[in-house]
Amino acid sequence: MSAVSRSLHQVSGRRRRTDKVMRSMLLAATLIALVPLVLVVYFLIKQGIGSWAGSFFSTDPNGNFFGSPGGIKSAIFGSLEMIGLATLIAIPIGIGVALYLVEYGKQSPFANVVRYFIDVMTGVPSIMFGLFIFIVLVVAKVGGSSYAAWKGSIAVSLLMLPVVTRSAEVVLLLVPDSLREAALALGAPRWRVVARVVLPTALPGLVTGSLLAVARGLGETAPLLFTAGATFVTTANLNQQMNSLPLQIYTDITNPRQAVIDRAWGAALALVAIILILNLVARTVSRRSRMA
């Protein structure tokens, strides 16, 4: 009989019973935590799947009180356009800040101050970013207009920035120092080590963190209420008001007409589906990174 088998037989019955009880409690706690998520998804599918028919995804809201209220095409395109611009703003800046903190700042006083303010930004309510952009850009009519899609993108990018920075910093810290030291020993300058060694090694993790930040920004309503305005028409002009899925849901759910409320449920289901797809992509990339 091996030493492992002997040690297993020496475990007392009381400890085994305690282990089973604790495992059962952990399983019960997990199931309880999943209940709200399952109920929300079930209720969304039940209420919203009926709207996914006909021209729901191919027509704009029309504002008609009678007949078909239209679809959510302008909301989908508006959300994708604004989140696309927000991604172009937040991800390069966030990864750049993370590179400075990991490769250059490290534990310097200035780097610690930057980390502190990033943590503060993580806890700031999203509506505060919207109010900030409203005061700075909307009220001042910067760009020649009041409400504009690009201003909403800036507000969402401020929300995404701390998420990108923190996740990128964690991923960059996981890159082995031996890779950096080997490249530096070969005579490569620091910037080339970062560009040719650190970033390619951390790329899957950076993509994962960026997709999670995009998923969070895609579902935010409050920053867009004060910055992007709302319109029914599909437009590609970022200097005009633009519709979005969160705003469409917010305005539709308060409408007294049942058809419009049903459209809100369908839009909510579409938004959750998009966010779910982004999260699945992020987890797939992360899993492949760990396997590699």
Protein backbone atom coordinates (compact mmCIF):
# COMPACT_ATOMS: atom_id res chain seq x y z
CA MET A 1 0.00 0.00 0.00
CA SER A 2 1.43 3.36 -1.01
CA ALA A 3 2.01 6.26 1.35
CA VAL A 4 -0.78 8.23 -0.32
CA SER A 5 -3.29 5.43 0.25
CA ARG A 6 -2.25 5.08 3.89
CA SER A 7 -2.66 8.84 4.44
CA LEU A 8 -6.14 8.72 2.90
CA HIS A 9 -7.20 5.88 5.18
CA GLN A 10 -5.93 7.82 8.19
CA VAL A 11 -8.41 10.69 7.56
CA SER A 12 -11.03 10.53 10.28
CA GLY A 13 -14.73 10.15 9.53
CA ARG A 14 -15.53 13.51 11.13
CA ARG A 15 -13.15 15.32 8.76
CA ARG A 16 -14.69 13.52 5.78
CA ARG A 17 -18.18 14.51 6.85
CA THR A 18 -17.04 18.11 7.38
CA ASP A 19 -15.51 18.12 3.88
CA LYS A 20 -18.77 16.85 2.34
CA VAL A 21 -20.81 19.44 4.22
CA MET A 22 -18.56 22.30 3.12
CA ARG A 23 -18.55 21.10 -0.49
CA SER A 24 -22.34 20.94 -0.39
CA MET A 25 -22.55 24.45 1.02
CA LEU A 26 -20.25 25.79 -1.70
CA LEU A 27 -22.33 24.08 -4.38
CA ALA A 28 -25.54 25.51 -2.89
CA ALA A 29 -24.02 29.00 -2.76
CA THR A 30 -23.00 28.70 -6.42
CA LEU A 31 -26.49 27.62 -7.46
CA ILE A 32 -28.06 30.46 -5.47
CA ALA A 33 -25.75 32.96 -7.18
CA LEU A 34 -26.77 31.58 -10.59
CA VAL A 35 -30.51 31.84 -9.91
CA PRO A 36 -30.80 35.63 -10.58
CA LEU A 37 -28.76 35.32 -13.80
CA VAL A 38 -30.87 32.41 -15.06
CA LEU A 39 -34.11 34.23 -14.22
CA VAL A 40 -32.99 37.44 -15.96
CA VAL A 41 -31.94 35.57 -19.11
CA TYR A 42 -35.13 33.49 -19.09
CA PHE A 43 -37.34 36.55 -18.64
CA LEU A 44 -35.49 38.44 -21.39
CA ILE A 45 -35.90 35.53 -23.81
CA LYS A 46 -39.54 35.08 -22.89
CA GLN A 47 -40.41 38.77 -23.31
CA GLY A 48 -38.08 39.71 -26.15
CA ILE A 49 -37.79 36.79 -28.52
CA GLY A 50 -41.21 37.52 -29.98
CA SER A 51 -39.97 40.89 -31.26
CA TRP A 52 -37.18 39.25 -33.27
CA ALA A 53 -39.32 38.85 -36.32
CA GLY A 54 -39.98 40.56 -39.63
CA SER A 55 -38.11 43.83 -40.02
CA PHE A 56 -37.03 44.21 -36.39
CA PHE A 57 -33.32 44.43 -37.25
CA SER A 58 -33.66 46.13 -40.64
CA THR A 59 -35.88 49.17 -39.92
CA ASP A 60 -35.53 52.30 -37.83
CA PRO A 61 -37.96 53.35 -35.10
CA ASN A 62 -40.66 55.46 -36.76
CA GLY A 63 -42.48 57.02 -33.82
CA ASN A 64 -45.90 55.99 -35.17
CA PHE A 65 -48.61 55.62 -32.55
CA PHE A 66 -50.57 53.20 -34.72
CA GLY A 67 -49.25 50.26 -36.69
CA SER A 68 -45.72 48.93 -36.48
CA PRO A 69 -43.39 51.01 -34.27
CA GLY A 70 -40.37 50.03 -36.38
CA GLY A 71 -37.20 48.19 -35.46
CA ILE A 72 -33.85 48.91 -33.84
CA LYS A 73 -31.51 49.29 -36.82
CA SER A 74 -30.45 52.83 -35.89
CA ALA A 75 -29.85 51.74 -32.30
CA ILE A 76 -27.60 48.84 -33.30
CA PHE A 77 -25.57 50.87 -35.79
CA GLY A 78 -25.33 53.79 -33.36
CA SER A 79 -24.09 51.58 -30.55
CA LEU A 80 -21.48 49.95 -32.78
CA GLU A 81 -20.27 53.30 -34.14
CA MET A 82 -19.97 54.97 -30.75
CA ILE A 83 -18.38 51.98 -29.03
CA GLY A 84 -16.00 51.65 -31.98
CA LEU A 85 -14.77 55.22 -31.55
CA ALA A 86 -14.61 54.78 -27.77
CA THR A 87 -12.49 51.66 -28.30
CA LEU A 88 -10.08 53.54 -30.58
CA ILE A 89 -9.68 56.14 -27.83
CA ALA A 90 -9.55 53.99 -24.68
CA ILE A 91 -7.53 50.93 -25.71
CA PRO A 92 -4.36 52.65 -27.06
CA ILE A 93 -4.29 55.09 -24.13
CA GLY A 94 -5.04 52.39 -21.57
CA ILE A 95 -2.38 50.01 -22.86
CA GLY A 96 0.10 52.90 -23.14
CA VAL A 97 -0.48 53.86 -19.50
CA ALA A 98 -0.09 50.22 -18.45
CA LEU A 99 3.19 49.95 -20.37
CA TYR A 100 4.51 53.03 -18.60
CA LEU A 101 3.51 51.69 -15.18
CA VAL A 102 5.07 48.25 -15.77
CA GLU A 103 8.13 49.04 -17.89
CA TYR A 104 9.19 52.53 -16.81
CA GLY A 105 7.29 53.91 -13.80
CA LYS A 106 7.21 50.70 -11.74
CA GLN A 107 7.08 51.75 -8.06
CA SER A 108 8.01 55.41 -8.49
CA PRO A 109 5.90 58.02 -6.64
CA PHE A 110 4.37 59.31 -9.87
CA ALA A 111 3.43 55.78 -10.99
CA ASN A 112 1.76 55.12 -7.64
CA VAL A 113 -0.23 58.34 -8.00
CA VAL A 114 -1.36 57.25 -11.47
CA ARG A 115 -2.44 53.86 -10.08
CA TYR A 116 -4.38 55.59 -7.33
CA PHE A 117 -6.32 57.78 -9.74
CA ILE A 118 -7.02 54.78 -12.00
CA ASP A 119 -8.52 52.98 -9.01
CA VAL A 120 -10.60 56.07 -8.25
CA MET A 121 -11.87 56.19 -11.85
CA THR A 122 -12.85 52.52 -11.59
CA GLY A 123 -15.22 53.32 -8.74
CA VAL A 124 -16.72 56.51 -10.21
CA PRO A 125 -20.41 56.07 -11.24
CA SER A 126 -20.89 56.11 -14.99
CA ILE A 127 -23.31 59.03 -14.80
CA MET A 128 -20.48 61.23 -13.50
CA PHE A 129 -18.53 60.73 -16.72
CA GLY A 130 -21.63 61.74 -18.66
CA LEU A 131 -22.09 64.88 -16.55
CA PHE A 132 -18.42 65.77 -16.96
CA ILE A 133 -18.58 65.58 -20.76
CA PHE A 134 -21.94 67.39 -20.70
CA ILE A 135 -20.42 70.34 -18.86
CA VAL A 136 -17.14 70.43 -20.76
CA LEU A 137 -18.27 69.66 -24.33
CA VAL A 138 -22.07 69.75 -24.67
CA VAL A 139 -22.85 72.98 -22.84
CA ALA A 140 -19.88 74.70 -24.45
CA LYS A 141 -21.00 73.37 -27.88
CA VAL A 142 -17.50 72.21 -28.73
CA GLY A 143 -17.37 71.10 -32.36
CA GLY A 144 -20.23 73.38 -33.41
CA SER A 145 -23.07 71.30 -31.93
CA SER A 146 -24.48 70.45 -28.53
CA TYR A 147 -25.29 66.74 -28.46
CA ALA A 148 -23.10 64.59 -30.70
CA ALA A 149 -22.16 60.94 -31.00
CA TRP A 150 -18.43 61.58 -30.65
CA LYS A 151 -19.03 63.24 -27.29
CA GLY A 152 -20.87 60.14 -26.15
CA SER A 153 -17.91 58.08 -27.33
CA ILE A 154 -15.53 60.16 -25.22
CA ALA A 155 -17.75 59.67 -22.17
CA VAL A 156 -17.82 55.90 -22.72
CA SER A 157 -14.06 55.82 -23.34
CA LEU A 158 -13.48 57.42 -19.93
CA LEU A 159 -15.52 54.59 -18.45
CA MET A 160 -13.51 51.96 -20.34
CA LEU A 161 -10.09 53.49 -19.69
CA PRO A 162 -9.50 52.26 -16.11
CA VAL A 163 -10.70 48.76 -17.02
CA VAL A 164 -8.28 48.56 -19.95
CA THR A 165 -5.40 50.00 -17.94
CA ARG A 166 -5.80 47.73 -14.92
CA SER A 167 -6.29 44.56 -16.95
CA ALA A 168 -3.37 45.42 -19.24
CA GLU A 169 -1.09 46.11 -16.27
CA VAL A 170 -1.89 42.71 -14.74
CA VAL A 171 -1.23 40.96 -18.06
CA LEU A 172 2.06 42.79 -18.66
CA LEU A 173 3.26 41.88 -15.17
CA LEU A 174 2.80 38.22 -16.10
CA VAL A 175 5.40 38.46 -18.89
CA PRO A 176 8.56 36.76 -17.52
CA ASP A 177 11.40 39.12 -16.73
CA SER A 178 13.78 36.60 -18.28
CA LEU A 179 12.41 37.48 -21.73
CA ARG A 180 13.09 41.17 -21.16
CA GLU A 181 16.57 40.50 -19.76
CA ALA A 182 17.48 38.22 -22.67
CA ALA A 183 16.46 40.86 -25.22
CA LEU A 184 18.30 43.62 -23.34
CA ALA A 185 21.39 41.41 -23.09
CA LEU A 186 21.41 41.14 -26.88
CA GLY A 187 21.67 44.91 -27.09
CA ALA A 188 18.06 45.75 -27.97
CA PRO A 189 16.84 49.13 -26.69
CA ARG A 190 13.98 49.22 -24.20
CA TRP A 191 11.38 50.42 -26.73
CA ARG A 192 12.25 47.57 -29.11
CA VAL A 193 11.99 45.05 -26.27
CA VAL A 194 8.52 46.37 -25.49
CA ALA A 195 7.43 46.33 -29.12
CA ARG A 196 8.96 43.00 -30.20
CA VAL A 197 8.91 40.92 -26.99
CA VAL A 198 6.54 42.22 -24.30
CA LEU A 199 3.53 43.18 -26.39
CA PRO A 200 3.45 40.04 -28.60
CA THR A 201 3.76 37.84 -25.50
CA ALA A 202 0.93 39.65 -23.69
CA LEU A 203 -1.29 40.12 -26.76
CA PRO A 204 -3.95 37.45 -25.94
CA GLY A 205 -4.42 38.84 -22.44
CA LEU A 206 -4.57 42.40 -23.75
CA VAL A 207 -7.27 41.38 -26.22
CA THR A 208 -9.24 39.72 -23.43
CA GLY A 209 -9.15 42.78 -21.18
CA SER A 210 -10.03 45.10 -24.04
CA LEU A 211 -13.05 43.00 -25.04
CA LEU A 212 -14.30 43.00 -21.45
CA ALA A 213 -14.01 46.79 -21.37
CA VAL A 214 -15.90 47.01 -24.67
CA ALA A 215 -18.64 44.78 -23.27
CA ARG A 216 -19.02 47.03 -20.25
CA GLY A 217 -19.08 50.23 -22.28
CA LEU A 218 -21.62 48.81 -24.73
CA GLY A 219 -24.26 48.45 -22.03
CA GLU A 220 -23.91 51.87 -20.41
CA THR A 221 -26.85 54.25 -20.66
CA ALA A 222 -26.11 57.12 -18.30
CA PRO A 223 -23.11 58.65 -20.15
CA LEU A 224 -25.09 58.74 -23.41
CA LEU A 225 -28.13 60.46 -21.89
CA PHE A 226 -26.16 63.68 -21.41
CA THR A 227 -23.91 63.54 -24.46
CA ALA A 228 -25.19 61.72 -27.56
CA GLY A 229 -28.87 62.68 -27.49
CA ALA A 230 -31.28 60.47 -29.42
CA THR A 231 -32.64 60.19 -32.93
CA PHE A 232 -34.64 57.59 -34.84
CA VAL A 233 -32.67 57.88 -38.09
CA THR A 234 -29.63 55.74 -38.89
CA THR A 235 -26.65 58.02 -39.45
CA ALA A 236 -22.90 57.65 -39.80
CA ASN A 237 -22.18 61.29 -38.91
CA LEU A 238 -20.55 61.27 -35.49
CA ASN A 239 -21.08 65.03 -35.19
CA GLN A 240 -24.86 64.55 -34.98
CA GLN A 241 -27.16 63.01 -32.43
CA MET A 242 -27.19 59.22 -32.63
CA ASN A 243 -29.38 56.44 -31.33
CA SER A 244 -28.06 53.52 -29.27
CA LEU A 245 -29.43 50.33 -27.78
CA PRO A 246 -29.33 51.49 -24.13
CA LEU A 247 -31.09 54.75 -25.02
CA GLN A 248 -33.64 52.89 -27.15
CA ILE A 249 -34.45 50.58 -24.25
CA TYR A 250 -34.69 53.50 -21.81
CA THR A 251 -37.11 55.48 -23.95
CA ASP A 252 -39.21 52.51 -25.09
CA ILE A 253 -39.80 50.95 -21.69
CA THR A 254 -41.54 54.12 -20.43
CA ASN A 255 -43.89 54.26 -23.44
CA PRO A 256 -47.55 53.42 -22.73
CA ARG A 257 -47.92 51.47 -25.98
CA GLN A 258 -47.43 47.72 -25.64
CA ALA A 259 -45.80 47.31 -29.05
CA VAL A 260 -43.10 49.81 -28.11
CA ILE A 261 -42.55 48.08 -24.77
CA ASP A 262 -42.15 44.78 -26.62
CA ARG A 263 -39.54 46.46 -28.82
CA ALA A 264 -37.67 47.48 -25.65
CA TRP A 265 -37.57 43.84 -24.53
CA GLY A 266 -36.32 42.77 -27.95
CA ALA A 267 -33.62 45.46 -27.89
CA ALA A 268 -32.58 44.40 -24.38
CA LEU A 269 -32.25 40.80 -25.54
CA ALA A 270 -30.17 41.93 -28.53
CA LEU A 271 -27.88 43.96 -26.25
CA VAL A 272 -27.38 41.05 -23.86
CA ALA A 273 -26.67 38.76 -26.83
CA ILE A 274 -23.98 41.12 -28.15
CA ILE A 275 -22.35 41.43 -24.73
CA LEU A 276 -22.52 37.65 -24.24
CA ILE A 277 -20.80 37.08 -27.58
CA LEU A 278 -18.02 39.54 -26.66
CA ASN A 279 -17.50 37.83 -23.30
CA LEU A 280 -17.37 34.42 -24.95
CA VAL A 281 -14.78 35.67 -27.42
CA ALA A 282 -12.74 37.13 -24.56
CA ARG A 283 -12.84 33.87 -22.60
CA THR A 284 -11.89 31.87 -25.69
CA VAL A 285 -8.88 34.07 -26.34
CA SER A 286 -7.90 33.87 -22.67
CA ARG A 287 -8.19 30.07 -22.64
CA ARG A 288 -6.03 29.73 -25.75
CA SER A 289 -3.48 32.05 -24.17
CA ARG A 290 -3.25 29.87 -21.07
CA MET A 291 -2.91 26.72 -23.20
CA ALA A 292 -0.11 28.32 -25.21
